[in-house]
Amino acid sequence: MADQDIVHEGGCRCGQVRIRVTGAPLMTMACHCTGCQRMTSSAFSLSALYPSDRFEVGQGEPVIGGLHGPTRHFFCPHCMSWLFTRPEGLDEFVNVRATMMDDTKSFSPFIESYTSEALPWAKTPALHSFETDPSDERFMELVTEFARQSAHPRL
């Protein structure tokens, strides 16, 4: 099966909202910022970045939560599970919470951001770490590296 044919489905904890992504993600990430810590009630958030045209809400109607700002965080209106984010000014992308997918094993973080805010014991297997966010130029290099590595995974 080619990467573009891969379908991952997932949903909120109560099952009222279901989501689907097609193909391989552009990048997988862990974010250690205090905002993600608070919204996940955990040490970091795990996400997978997809082009918007490869993402769909298959059931239910998510609501905006979090800070209600230009970056929109979407939640199940019933159980309040954080499902995905539409980053500010980047409507062509959606950042899916990888832990909301039915099969989470293939979403190991490739990069981690905001390590400057990380809890001292919170460790990930990410290959690249950044004290805040990587620059736009560096991010595009990482997307290319992630695609190359995904095509030839380590044994």
Protein backbone atom coordinates (compact mmCIF):
# COMPACT_ATOMS: atom_id res chain seq x y z
CA MET A 1 0.00 0.00 0.00
CA ALA A 2 1.40 3.40 -1.01
CA ASP A 3 1.67 6.17 1.61
CA GLN A 4 -1.06 8.22 -0.12
CA ASP A 5 -3.49 5.29 0.34
CA ILE A 6 -2.99 5.01 4.11
CA VAL A 7 -6.08 5.99 6.09
CA HIS A 8 -6.01 6.63 9.82
CA GLU A 9 -9.22 7.13 11.73
CA GLY A 10 -9.71 8.35 15.24
CA GLY A 11 -12.03 10.16 17.54
CA CYS A 12 -12.74 11.65 20.89
CA ARG A 13 -12.99 9.70 24.09
CA CYS A 14 -16.78 9.40 24.05
CA GLY A 15 -16.98 8.56 20.33
CA GLN A 16 -19.33 11.38 19.30
CA VAL A 17 -16.72 12.98 17.01
CA ARG A 18 -14.76 10.91 14.48
CA ILE A 19 -11.90 12.16 12.30
CA ARG A 20 -9.97 10.70 9.35
CA VAL A 21 -6.63 11.49 7.70
CA THR A 22 -5.34 10.12 4.42
CA GLY A 23 -1.70 9.54 3.55
CA ALA A 24 1.40 9.98 5.63
CA PRO A 25 1.71 13.06 7.83
CA LEU A 26 4.04 15.87 6.80
CA MET A 27 5.61 15.73 10.27
CA THR A 28 5.04 14.29 13.73
CA MET A 29 5.71 16.42 16.77
CA ALA A 30 5.68 16.70 20.54
CA CYS A 31 5.11 20.12 22.05
CA HIS A 32 6.24 20.75 25.63
CA CYS A 33 4.79 24.28 25.97
CA THR A 34 2.80 24.97 29.11
CA GLY A 35 -0.32 25.62 26.99
CA CYS A 36 -0.17 22.10 25.56
CA GLN A 37 0.58 20.71 29.01
CA ARG A 38 -2.56 22.34 30.37
CA MET A 39 -4.82 21.42 27.42
CA THR A 40 -3.72 17.77 27.50
CA SER A 41 -3.39 17.48 31.29
CA SER A 42 -0.07 15.83 30.49
CA ALA A 43 3.61 16.60 29.99
CA PHE A 44 3.29 17.40 26.26
CA SER A 45 0.97 17.12 23.29
CA LEU A 46 1.58 14.73 20.40
CA SER A 47 0.50 15.76 16.93
CA ALA A 48 0.73 14.94 13.25
CA LEU A 49 0.64 17.69 10.62
CA TYR A 50 -1.49 17.08 7.52
CA PRO A 51 -2.58 19.14 4.54
CA SER A 52 -6.20 20.22 5.18
CA ASP A 53 -7.42 18.44 2.05
CA ARG A 54 -6.32 15.10 3.56
CA PHE A 55 -8.26 15.61 6.80
CA GLU A 56 -11.97 15.33 7.48
CA VAL A 57 -14.41 15.23 10.33
CA GLY A 58 -16.49 12.15 9.57
CA GLN A 59 -18.96 12.40 12.44
CA GLY A 60 -20.04 15.07 14.89
CA GLU A 61 -19.30 18.77 15.05
CA PRO A 62 -16.21 19.85 17.00
CA VAL A 63 -16.26 23.14 18.88
CA ILE A 64 -13.49 25.67 19.42
CA GLY A 65 -11.84 25.55 22.84
CA GLY A 66 -8.55 26.57 24.38
CA LEU A 67 -7.76 30.27 24.02
CA HIS A 68 -10.36 30.99 21.29
CA GLY A 69 -7.77 33.02 19.38
CA PRO A 70 -6.42 33.05 15.82
CA THR A 71 -5.03 29.53 16.32
CA ARG A 72 -8.18 27.45 16.66
CA HIS A 73 -8.21 24.35 18.87
CA PHE A 74 -11.11 21.95 18.21
CA PHE A 75 -12.71 19.74 20.87
CA CYS A 76 -15.59 17.30 21.17
CA PRO A 77 -18.53 19.31 22.55
CA HIS A 78 -19.51 16.44 24.87
CA CYS A 79 -16.33 14.92 26.37
CA MET A 80 -14.10 17.93 25.56
CA SER A 81 -11.28 15.82 24.06
CA TRP A 82 -8.83 18.02 22.12
CA LEU A 83 -8.87 16.59 18.59
CA PHE A 84 -7.08 18.97 16.24
CA THR A 85 -5.76 22.48 15.71
CA ARG A 86 -5.92 24.88 12.78
CA PRO A 87 -2.75 26.99 13.13
CA GLU A 88 -3.01 30.76 12.82
CA GLY A 89 -2.73 31.89 9.19
CA LEU A 90 -2.18 28.36 7.90
CA ASP A 91 -5.64 27.13 6.89
CA GLU A 92 -4.02 24.76 4.40
CA PHE A 93 -2.78 22.64 7.34
CA VAL A 94 -4.33 20.84 10.28
CA ASN A 95 -2.45 19.59 13.32
CA VAL A 96 -4.17 16.38 14.47
CA ARG A 97 -3.67 15.16 18.04
CA ALA A 98 -1.96 11.84 17.28
CA THR A 99 -3.18 10.27 20.52
CA MET A 100 -6.78 10.61 19.29
CA MET A 101 -6.13 8.21 16.39
CA ASP A 102 -7.33 4.61 16.78
CA ASP A 103 -3.80 3.30 16.05
CA THR A 104 -1.21 5.61 17.59
CA LYS A 105 1.88 3.43 17.09
CA SER A 106 2.99 5.06 13.83
CA PHE A 107 2.95 8.60 15.23
CA SER A 108 6.22 8.72 17.18
CA PRO A 109 7.42 12.35 17.40
CA PHE A 110 10.10 13.30 14.88
CA ILE A 111 10.65 16.73 16.45
CA GLU A 112 9.89 18.25 19.82
CA SER A 113 9.36 21.93 20.49
CA TYR A 114 9.35 24.21 23.51
CA THR A 115 11.81 22.06 25.41
CA SER A 116 12.56 25.25 27.37
CA GLU A 117 9.18 24.68 29.08
CA ALA A 118 9.45 20.89 29.35
CA LEU A 119 9.02 19.13 32.64
CA PRO A 120 12.49 17.83 33.60
CA TRP A 121 11.42 14.17 33.49
CA ALA A 122 9.44 14.38 30.21
CA LYS A 123 11.47 12.67 27.49
CA THR A 124 10.54 11.70 23.92
CA PRO A 125 12.34 9.76 21.17
CA ALA A 126 12.27 12.84 18.88
CA LEU A 127 15.31 13.17 16.64
CA HIS A 128 15.28 16.98 16.72
CA SER A 129 14.67 19.26 19.71
CA PHE A 130 14.02 22.98 19.81
CA GLU A 131 13.86 25.33 22.80
CA THR A 132 10.90 27.08 21.11
CA ASP A 133 9.67 26.53 17.54
CA PRO A 134 12.03 25.84 14.64
CA SER A 135 12.32 28.70 12.13
CA ASP A 136 10.09 28.47 9.05
CA GLU A 137 13.13 27.63 6.92
CA ARG A 138 14.30 24.92 9.31
CA PHE A 139 10.76 23.54 9.56
CA MET A 140 10.59 23.04 5.79
CA GLU A 141 13.97 21.25 5.89
CA LEU A 142 12.58 18.98 8.63
CA VAL A 143 9.45 18.21 6.57
CA THR A 144 11.73 17.10 3.72
CA GLU A 145 13.87 15.02 6.09
CA PHE A 146 10.78 13.45 7.67
CA ALA A 147 9.42 12.45 4.24
CA ARG A 148 12.78 10.97 3.24
CA GLN A 149 13.05 9.03 6.52
CA SER A 150 9.44 7.83 6.32
CA ALA A 151 10.11 6.43 2.86
CA HIS A 152 13.10 4.49 4.24
CA PRO A 153 12.40 3.74 7.94
CA ARG A 154 15.15 2.54 10.19
CA LEU A 155 15.17 -1.18 10.92
